[in-house]
N, C-alpha and C. Protein backbone atom coordinates (compact mmCIF):
# COMPACT_ATOMS: atom_id res chain seq x y z
N MET A 1 28.68 -32.20 17.96
CA MET A 1 28.08 -30.88 17.77
C MET A 1 27.22 -30.55 18.99
N GLY A 2 27.35 -29.35 19.47
CA GLY A 2 26.56 -28.92 20.60
C GLY A 2 27.25 -29.17 21.93
N PHE A 3 26.65 -28.62 22.99
CA PHE A 3 27.18 -28.79 24.33
C PHE A 3 26.06 -28.57 25.34
N ASN A 4 26.34 -28.89 26.58
CA ASN A 4 25.41 -28.63 27.67
C ASN A 4 25.91 -27.45 28.48
N TRP A 5 25.00 -26.53 28.80
CA TRP A 5 25.36 -25.40 29.65
C TRP A 5 25.75 -25.89 31.04
N SER A 6 26.66 -25.18 31.68
CA SER A 6 27.02 -25.50 33.07
C SER A 6 25.81 -25.23 33.96
N PRO A 7 25.76 -25.83 35.15
CA PRO A 7 24.64 -25.55 36.06
C PRO A 7 24.49 -24.06 36.39
N VAL A 8 25.61 -23.36 36.59
CA VAL A 8 25.53 -21.92 36.87
C VAL A 8 24.94 -21.19 35.66
N SER A 9 25.40 -21.54 34.47
CA SER A 9 24.86 -20.92 33.26
C SER A 9 23.37 -21.22 33.12
N GLU A 10 22.96 -22.45 33.39
CA GLU A 10 21.54 -22.80 33.31
C GLU A 10 20.71 -21.95 34.26
N ASP A 11 21.21 -21.73 35.48
CA ASP A 11 20.49 -20.88 36.44
C ASP A 11 20.37 -19.45 35.91
N ARG A 12 21.43 -18.94 35.32
CA ARG A 12 21.39 -17.58 34.78
C ARG A 12 20.46 -17.49 33.58
N ILE A 13 20.48 -18.48 32.72
CA ILE A 13 19.60 -18.51 31.55
C ILE A 13 18.14 -18.52 31.98
N ALA A 14 17.83 -19.24 33.03
CA ALA A 14 16.44 -19.36 33.51
C ALA A 14 15.85 -18.01 33.91
N GLU A 15 16.69 -17.02 34.21
CA GLU A 15 16.21 -15.69 34.61
C GLU A 15 15.93 -14.78 33.42
N LEU A 16 16.27 -15.23 32.23
CA LEU A 16 16.12 -14.39 31.03
C LEU A 16 14.71 -14.48 30.45
N GLN A 17 14.44 -13.57 29.52
CA GLN A 17 13.16 -13.57 28.82
C GLN A 17 13.04 -14.82 27.95
N PRO A 18 11.84 -15.42 27.84
CA PRO A 18 11.67 -16.66 27.08
C PRO A 18 12.23 -16.64 25.66
N PRO A 19 12.09 -15.55 24.88
CA PRO A 19 12.68 -15.59 23.53
C PRO A 19 14.20 -15.74 23.54
N LEU A 20 14.87 -15.12 24.51
CA LEU A 20 16.33 -15.26 24.60
C LEU A 20 16.70 -16.65 25.09
N ILE A 21 15.90 -17.23 25.96
CA ILE A 21 16.13 -18.62 26.39
C ILE A 21 16.06 -19.55 25.18
N LYS A 22 15.08 -19.33 24.30
CA LYS A 22 14.96 -20.16 23.10
C LYS A 22 16.22 -20.06 22.24
N VAL A 23 16.73 -18.85 22.06
CA VAL A 23 17.93 -18.66 21.24
C VAL A 23 19.12 -19.39 21.86
N LEU A 24 19.30 -19.23 23.16
CA LEU A 24 20.45 -19.85 23.83
C LEU A 24 20.34 -21.38 23.84
N THR A 25 19.14 -21.89 23.96
CA THR A 25 18.93 -23.35 23.91
C THR A 25 19.29 -23.89 22.53
N GLU A 26 18.83 -23.21 21.49
CA GLU A 26 19.15 -23.62 20.12
C GLU A 26 20.64 -23.47 19.85
N PHE A 27 21.22 -22.38 20.30
CA PHE A 27 22.66 -22.14 20.11
C PHE A 27 23.49 -23.30 20.66
N ALA A 28 23.17 -23.75 21.87
CA ALA A 28 23.93 -24.84 22.48
C ALA A 28 23.82 -26.13 21.67
N LEU A 29 22.76 -26.28 20.91
CA LEU A 29 22.59 -27.48 20.09
C LEU A 29 23.38 -27.44 18.79
N ILE A 30 23.64 -26.24 18.26
CA ILE A 30 24.21 -26.15 16.91
C ILE A 30 25.69 -25.77 16.86
N ILE A 31 26.23 -25.22 17.94
CA ILE A 31 27.63 -24.76 17.87
C ILE A 31 28.55 -25.98 17.83
N PRO A 32 29.55 -25.97 16.95
CA PRO A 32 30.44 -27.13 16.83
C PRO A 32 31.54 -27.15 17.90
N ALA A 33 31.89 -28.34 18.32
CA ALA A 33 33.03 -28.51 19.21
C ALA A 33 34.27 -28.04 18.47
N PRO A 34 35.28 -27.54 19.14
CA PRO A 34 35.46 -27.50 20.58
C PRO A 34 34.92 -26.23 21.24
N LEU A 35 34.16 -25.40 20.50
CA LEU A 35 33.59 -24.18 21.09
C LEU A 35 32.47 -24.51 22.05
N THR A 36 32.50 -23.89 23.21
CA THR A 36 31.39 -23.91 24.14
C THR A 36 31.36 -22.52 24.78
N CYS A 37 30.38 -22.28 25.62
CA CYS A 37 30.28 -20.99 26.30
C CYS A 37 29.74 -21.18 27.71
N ASN A 38 30.01 -20.22 28.53
CA ASN A 38 29.35 -20.07 29.82
C ASN A 38 28.65 -18.72 29.80
N VAL A 39 27.60 -18.60 30.59
CA VAL A 39 26.93 -17.31 30.73
C VAL A 39 27.68 -16.53 31.79
N ALA A 40 28.35 -15.46 31.38
CA ALA A 40 29.12 -14.64 32.31
C ALA A 40 28.21 -13.68 33.06
N GLN A 41 27.26 -13.08 32.35
CA GLN A 41 26.32 -12.13 32.94
C GLN A 41 24.97 -12.33 32.27
N ALA A 42 23.93 -12.24 33.06
CA ALA A 42 22.57 -12.29 32.52
C ALA A 42 21.76 -11.20 33.21
N LEU A 43 20.84 -11.58 34.05
CA LEU A 43 20.02 -10.60 34.75
C LEU A 43 20.86 -9.85 35.76
N ARG A 44 20.73 -8.52 35.76
CA ARG A 44 21.48 -7.68 36.71
C ARG A 44 20.51 -6.75 37.43
N THR A 45 20.86 -6.40 38.66
CA THR A 45 20.09 -5.43 39.41
C THR A 45 20.57 -4.03 39.04
N ALA A 46 19.80 -3.02 39.46
CA ALA A 46 20.21 -1.64 39.23
C ALA A 46 21.54 -1.35 39.91
N ASP A 47 21.74 -1.88 41.11
CA ASP A 47 23.01 -1.66 41.81
C ASP A 47 24.18 -2.31 41.09
N GLU A 48 23.97 -3.49 40.54
CA GLU A 48 25.04 -4.15 39.77
C GLU A 48 25.35 -3.35 38.51
N GLU A 49 24.32 -2.84 37.87
CA GLU A 49 24.52 -2.04 36.67
C GLU A 49 25.27 -0.74 37.01
N MET A 50 24.90 -0.14 38.13
CA MET A 50 25.58 1.09 38.57
C MET A 50 27.06 0.82 38.79
N ALA A 51 27.40 -0.30 39.42
CA ALA A 51 28.80 -0.62 39.68
C ALA A 51 29.58 -0.76 38.38
N ILE A 52 28.99 -1.39 37.38
CA ILE A 52 29.65 -1.54 36.09
C ILE A 52 29.82 -0.18 35.43
N TRP A 53 28.78 0.65 35.48
CA TRP A 53 28.84 1.98 34.89
C TRP A 53 29.92 2.83 35.56
N LEU A 54 29.98 2.76 36.90
CA LEU A 54 30.99 3.54 37.63
C LEU A 54 32.42 3.05 37.35
N SER A 55 32.55 1.82 36.86
CA SER A 55 33.89 1.33 36.53
C SER A 55 34.45 2.01 35.28
N CYS A 56 33.58 2.66 34.50
CA CYS A 56 34.07 3.34 33.29
C CYS A 56 33.58 4.79 33.17
N HIS A 57 32.89 5.27 34.21
CA HIS A 57 32.42 6.66 34.25
C HIS A 57 32.68 7.26 35.62
N ASN A 58 32.81 8.56 35.66
CA ASN A 58 32.84 9.29 36.92
C ASN A 58 31.40 9.54 37.35
N PRO A 59 31.16 9.80 38.64
CA PRO A 59 29.78 10.04 39.09
C PRO A 59 29.06 11.17 38.34
N ASP A 60 29.80 12.12 37.79
CA ASP A 60 29.15 13.21 37.04
C ASP A 60 28.81 12.80 35.60
N GLY A 61 29.13 11.56 35.24
CA GLY A 61 28.80 11.04 33.91
C GLY A 61 29.91 11.11 32.90
N THR A 62 30.99 11.84 33.21
CA THR A 62 32.12 11.89 32.28
C THR A 62 32.85 10.55 32.30
N ARG A 63 33.51 10.23 31.21
CA ARG A 63 34.25 8.97 31.11
C ARG A 63 35.54 9.06 31.90
N ASN A 64 35.92 7.94 32.52
CA ASN A 64 37.23 7.87 33.16
C ASN A 64 38.18 7.14 32.22
N ASP A 65 39.35 6.76 32.70
CA ASP A 65 40.37 6.17 31.83
C ASP A 65 40.19 4.67 31.58
N ASN A 66 39.21 4.05 32.21
CA ASN A 66 39.00 2.61 32.03
C ASN A 66 38.24 2.33 30.73
N ASP A 67 38.34 1.10 30.24
CA ASP A 67 37.63 0.71 29.03
C ASP A 67 36.13 0.88 29.20
N TRP A 68 35.46 1.30 28.13
CA TRP A 68 34.00 1.45 28.14
C TRP A 68 33.33 0.11 28.39
N LYS A 69 32.27 0.12 29.20
CA LYS A 69 31.50 -1.10 29.45
C LYS A 69 30.01 -0.90 29.21
N THR A 70 29.47 0.27 29.56
CA THR A 70 28.04 0.53 29.39
C THR A 70 27.76 2.02 29.48
N ASN A 71 26.67 2.43 28.86
CA ASN A 71 26.18 3.79 29.02
C ASN A 71 25.06 3.87 30.04
N CYS A 72 24.52 2.73 30.43
CA CYS A 72 23.37 2.69 31.34
C CYS A 72 23.84 2.41 32.77
N ASN A 73 23.42 3.26 33.69
CA ASN A 73 23.83 3.04 35.08
C ASN A 73 22.75 2.38 35.93
N GLY A 74 21.70 1.92 35.29
CA GLY A 74 20.71 1.13 36.00
C GLY A 74 19.49 1.87 36.49
N TYR A 75 19.49 3.18 36.36
CA TYR A 75 18.37 3.99 36.84
C TYR A 75 17.80 4.80 35.68
N PRO A 76 16.47 4.98 35.66
CA PRO A 76 15.85 5.71 34.54
C PRO A 76 16.49 7.08 34.35
N LEU A 77 16.50 7.51 33.10
CA LEU A 77 17.10 8.78 32.71
C LEU A 77 16.60 9.91 33.61
N GLY A 78 17.55 10.58 34.25
CA GLY A 78 17.25 11.73 35.08
C GLY A 78 16.87 11.44 36.52
N VAL A 79 16.49 10.22 36.83
CA VAL A 79 16.13 9.85 38.21
C VAL A 79 17.40 9.82 39.05
N ILE A 80 17.33 10.32 40.26
CA ILE A 80 18.49 10.30 41.14
C ILE A 80 18.56 8.95 41.86
N ALA A 81 19.67 8.24 41.64
CA ALA A 81 19.88 6.93 42.26
C ALA A 81 20.19 7.11 43.75
N PRO A 82 20.10 6.04 44.53
CA PRO A 82 20.40 6.14 45.96
C PRO A 82 21.78 6.70 46.28
N ASN A 83 22.74 6.53 45.38
CA ASN A 83 24.09 7.06 45.61
C ASN A 83 24.23 8.51 45.16
N GLY A 84 23.13 9.14 44.73
CA GLY A 84 23.14 10.53 44.33
C GLY A 84 23.47 10.78 42.87
N VAL A 85 23.74 9.74 42.11
CA VAL A 85 24.09 9.87 40.70
C VAL A 85 22.81 9.95 39.87
N ARG A 86 22.79 10.84 38.89
CA ARG A 86 21.63 10.98 38.00
C ARG A 86 21.59 9.78 37.05
N GLY A 87 20.40 9.17 36.92
CA GLY A 87 20.23 8.01 36.06
C GLY A 87 20.50 8.29 34.60
N THR A 88 21.16 7.32 33.95
CA THR A 88 21.45 7.43 32.52
C THR A 88 20.64 6.42 31.71
N GLY A 89 19.89 5.57 32.38
CA GLY A 89 19.06 4.58 31.69
C GLY A 89 19.22 3.20 32.28
N GLU A 90 18.25 2.37 31.95
CA GLU A 90 18.27 0.99 32.41
C GLU A 90 18.83 0.09 31.31
N SER A 91 19.57 -0.91 31.71
CA SER A 91 20.21 -1.83 30.78
C SER A 91 19.23 -2.93 30.37
N ASN A 92 19.44 -3.47 29.19
CA ASN A 92 18.66 -4.64 28.77
C ASN A 92 18.94 -5.84 29.66
N HIS A 93 20.08 -5.84 30.36
CA HIS A 93 20.35 -6.91 31.32
C HIS A 93 19.34 -6.88 32.46
N GLN A 94 18.90 -5.70 32.85
CA GLN A 94 18.00 -5.58 33.99
C GLN A 94 16.65 -6.24 33.74
N GLY A 95 16.22 -6.30 32.52
CA GLY A 95 14.95 -6.92 32.21
C GLY A 95 15.06 -8.34 31.70
N GLY A 96 16.29 -8.87 31.68
CA GLY A 96 16.47 -10.22 31.17
C GLY A 96 16.47 -10.31 29.65
N TYR A 97 16.75 -9.18 28.99
CA TYR A 97 16.76 -9.13 27.53
C TYR A 97 18.16 -9.26 26.95
N ALA A 98 19.18 -9.39 27.79
CA ALA A 98 20.57 -9.43 27.31
C ALA A 98 21.37 -10.47 28.08
N VAL A 99 22.42 -10.95 27.41
CA VAL A 99 23.31 -11.94 28.00
C VAL A 99 24.74 -11.67 27.54
N ASP A 100 25.69 -11.90 28.43
CA ASP A 100 27.12 -11.85 28.09
C ASP A 100 27.65 -13.26 28.19
N LEU A 101 28.32 -13.70 27.14
CA LEU A 101 28.86 -15.06 27.10
C LEU A 101 30.38 -15.05 27.22
N ALA A 102 30.90 -16.05 27.86
CA ALA A 102 32.34 -16.30 27.92
C ALA A 102 32.63 -17.49 27.02
N VAL A 103 33.47 -17.30 26.03
CA VAL A 103 33.81 -18.37 25.09
C VAL A 103 34.84 -19.29 25.73
N ILE A 104 34.58 -20.58 25.60
CA ILE A 104 35.45 -21.62 26.14
C ILE A 104 35.86 -22.53 24.99
N VAL A 105 37.16 -22.77 24.83
CA VAL A 105 37.66 -23.70 23.83
C VAL A 105 38.51 -24.73 24.55
N ASN A 106 38.12 -25.98 24.41
CA ASN A 106 38.83 -27.08 25.08
C ASN A 106 39.02 -26.78 26.57
N GLY A 107 38.01 -26.23 27.21
CA GLY A 107 38.04 -25.98 28.64
C GLY A 107 38.75 -24.70 29.06
N VAL A 108 39.23 -23.90 28.09
CA VAL A 108 40.00 -22.70 28.41
C VAL A 108 39.20 -21.46 28.01
N TYR A 109 39.05 -20.51 28.94
CA TYR A 109 38.38 -19.24 28.67
C TYR A 109 39.21 -18.44 27.67
N ILE A 110 38.54 -17.94 26.64
CA ILE A 110 39.21 -17.24 25.55
C ILE A 110 38.85 -15.75 25.59
N THR A 111 39.87 -14.89 25.46
CA THR A 111 39.61 -13.46 25.42
C THR A 111 39.83 -12.87 24.02
N ALA A 112 40.48 -13.61 23.13
CA ALA A 112 40.69 -13.14 21.77
C ALA A 112 39.33 -12.91 21.09
N LEU A 113 39.25 -11.90 20.23
CA LEU A 113 37.98 -11.53 19.62
C LEU A 113 37.44 -12.52 18.59
N GLU A 114 38.29 -13.13 17.81
CA GLU A 114 37.83 -13.97 16.70
C GLU A 114 36.83 -15.04 17.13
N PRO A 115 37.07 -15.79 18.21
CA PRO A 115 36.06 -16.79 18.61
C PRO A 115 34.70 -16.17 18.95
N TYR A 116 34.69 -14.94 19.44
CA TYR A 116 33.41 -14.28 19.75
C TYR A 116 32.64 -13.98 18.47
N HIS A 117 33.35 -13.62 17.41
CA HIS A 117 32.70 -13.38 16.13
C HIS A 117 32.15 -14.70 15.57
N THR A 118 32.88 -15.79 15.78
CA THR A 118 32.39 -17.11 15.38
C THR A 118 31.13 -17.45 16.16
N VAL A 119 31.17 -17.23 17.47
CA VAL A 119 29.99 -17.49 18.30
C VAL A 119 28.82 -16.63 17.81
N ALA A 120 29.10 -15.39 17.43
CA ALA A 120 28.04 -14.50 16.93
C ALA A 120 27.36 -15.09 15.71
N THR A 121 28.12 -15.72 14.84
CA THR A 121 27.54 -16.35 13.66
C THR A 121 26.56 -17.45 14.06
N TYR A 122 26.95 -18.25 15.04
CA TYR A 122 26.07 -19.34 15.50
C TYR A 122 24.88 -18.80 16.30
N MET A 123 25.09 -17.72 17.05
CA MET A 123 23.96 -17.10 17.75
C MET A 123 22.95 -16.55 16.74
N ALA A 124 23.43 -15.94 15.68
CA ALA A 124 22.53 -15.43 14.64
C ALA A 124 21.76 -16.57 13.99
N GLN A 125 22.45 -17.68 13.73
CA GLN A 125 21.77 -18.85 13.13
C GLN A 125 20.75 -19.42 14.10
N ALA A 126 21.11 -19.49 15.38
CA ALA A 126 20.16 -20.00 16.38
C ALA A 126 18.92 -19.12 16.45
N ALA A 127 19.12 -17.81 16.43
CA ALA A 127 17.99 -16.88 16.48
C ALA A 127 17.10 -17.07 15.26
N LYS A 128 17.72 -17.22 14.11
CA LYS A 128 16.94 -17.44 12.88
C LYS A 128 16.16 -18.75 12.97
N ASN A 129 16.81 -19.79 13.51
CA ASN A 129 16.16 -21.11 13.61
C ASN A 129 14.90 -21.07 14.47
N VAL A 130 14.89 -20.20 15.49
CA VAL A 130 13.74 -20.13 16.41
C VAL A 130 12.90 -18.88 16.16
N ASN A 131 13.14 -18.20 15.02
CA ASN A 131 12.37 -17.03 14.60
C ASN A 131 12.41 -15.89 15.60
N GLU A 132 13.61 -15.60 16.10
CA GLU A 132 13.83 -14.45 16.99
C GLU A 132 14.89 -13.55 16.36
N HIS A 133 14.96 -12.33 16.84
CA HIS A 133 15.94 -11.37 16.33
C HIS A 133 16.83 -10.91 17.47
N ILE A 134 18.14 -11.02 17.27
CA ILE A 134 19.09 -10.59 18.29
C ILE A 134 20.06 -9.59 17.70
N ILE A 135 20.69 -8.85 18.60
CA ILE A 135 21.71 -7.88 18.24
C ILE A 135 23.01 -8.30 18.92
N TYR A 136 24.08 -8.28 18.16
CA TYR A 136 25.41 -8.64 18.67
C TYR A 136 26.16 -7.37 19.04
N GLY A 137 26.57 -7.26 20.29
CA GLY A 137 27.31 -6.09 20.75
C GLY A 137 28.64 -5.90 20.04
N GLY A 138 29.17 -6.95 19.47
CA GLY A 138 30.41 -6.84 18.71
C GLY A 138 30.24 -6.09 17.40
N SER A 139 29.00 -5.84 17.00
CA SER A 139 28.74 -5.09 15.77
C SER A 139 28.56 -3.60 16.04
N TRP A 140 28.58 -3.20 17.31
CA TRP A 140 28.42 -1.78 17.65
C TRP A 140 29.70 -1.03 17.32
N PRO A 141 29.59 0.26 17.02
CA PRO A 141 30.78 1.04 16.69
C PRO A 141 31.68 1.27 17.91
N ALA A 142 32.97 1.31 17.66
CA ALA A 142 33.94 1.61 18.73
C ALA A 142 33.65 3.00 19.26
N PRO A 143 33.88 3.29 20.50
CA PRO A 143 34.50 2.43 21.52
C PRO A 143 33.48 1.55 22.25
N LYS A 144 32.25 1.49 21.75
CA LYS A 144 31.20 0.78 22.47
C LYS A 144 31.06 -0.67 22.03
N THR A 145 32.02 -1.19 21.31
CA THR A 145 31.98 -2.58 20.91
C THR A 145 31.97 -3.46 22.15
N ASP A 146 31.06 -4.41 22.17
CA ASP A 146 30.86 -5.27 23.34
C ASP A 146 30.76 -6.71 22.85
N SER A 147 31.91 -7.31 22.55
CA SER A 147 31.97 -8.57 21.81
C SER A 147 31.45 -9.80 22.56
N ASP A 148 31.19 -9.67 23.85
CA ASP A 148 30.64 -10.82 24.57
C ASP A 148 29.13 -10.67 24.84
N HIS A 149 28.49 -9.67 24.22
CA HIS A 149 27.12 -9.28 24.52
C HIS A 149 26.16 -9.59 23.38
N TRP A 150 25.01 -10.16 23.74
CA TRP A 150 23.90 -10.39 22.81
C TRP A 150 22.63 -9.94 23.50
N GLU A 151 21.72 -9.33 22.74
CA GLU A 151 20.45 -8.92 23.31
C GLU A 151 19.34 -9.10 22.30
N LEU A 152 18.14 -9.25 22.81
CA LEU A 152 16.98 -9.34 21.94
C LEU A 152 16.79 -7.99 21.25
N ASP A 153 16.44 -8.05 19.98
CA ASP A 153 16.10 -6.84 19.24
C ASP A 153 14.66 -6.50 19.60
N ARG A 154 14.49 -5.46 20.40
CA ARG A 154 13.18 -5.10 20.90
C ARG A 154 12.49 -4.07 20.03
N ALA A 155 13.08 -3.76 18.87
CA ALA A 155 12.50 -2.74 17.97
C ALA A 155 11.21 -3.25 17.36
């Protein structure tokens, strides 16, 4: 039972807010083999967030034909970013309040949704164990479902 985070994942986790670090530390202790995870995304800069936003939006804010990834382009609402795009908001990734996990089973990266829902169950249990509250992006309504995303509930 449990696993050790990869060195890259450990470095990414270290950049997160302490309550989320507690959840991820507990999660790694309780998840049963053969499930493990790597941290795919953690702390992001405004420019990194903008690049992700532009992958699913046009500069004027309308959606393009690519799959939805985020509504936040990394800059405060209404502020003009260096590339001339009007800000739509800052992501929880920018403050270290969110993490994207890649599910690994027997050393193989998994894209099917079911293992992410299983991971969500263990993330919820880990959060409960350390008295923190998290939100699973896989519970968001379509098309904004984000099954590899977890964030601290800052409400």
